[in-house]
């Protein structure tokens, strides 16, 4: 996945009301229940159906590191879908989203004046409109570049233009070389 997409996922996961299953057997049983069968889980995780059955019966307890990562990712992707949807809806309608980023940022203005790109560390509350756009783009399968464009537009309006109170003639805001990125609902 992408840096911004992963950050959005982590923000939504903070809204979970119960922890996701931790042991490999519990994770496998959850996936079998969700996907209604061991064959579908085996195809999803790229292992044999027999291997899935062994995890379900707790005959195997410790998966390989690559399988453990895939297993955890797939469980978290499906864990508490109603809570996930509610958190996204609240952020998109009333709450907005907070972005904490350390990245190279700069802008271009019409007369040719530019603010050289430089590393900035910003923590900015984005309005619900941009939270909605980020989540919609993520669900539509947008890549990191598109999510980065939306985040740059949001930073342009909220941080550089201060909601239209200054720098009204900015043309473009560059948001590149992301060192740290975290979202919070």
Foldseek 3Di string as FASTA:
>chain_A
DDPVLVQVLVQLLVLDPDDFDDWQLSLLVVVCVVVVHLCVVCVQLVHDSVVSVCSVVVVDTDDDPSSSVSSVVVRSVPPPPVSSVVVLVCCLPPNAKKKWWFFFKWFAFDVGDIDHTDTDTDIFGFHSNLSNVLVVCVVVPHDPVVSQQSVQVRCCCCPVCVNVVDPVRIDGMDTDPIPDIHMHD
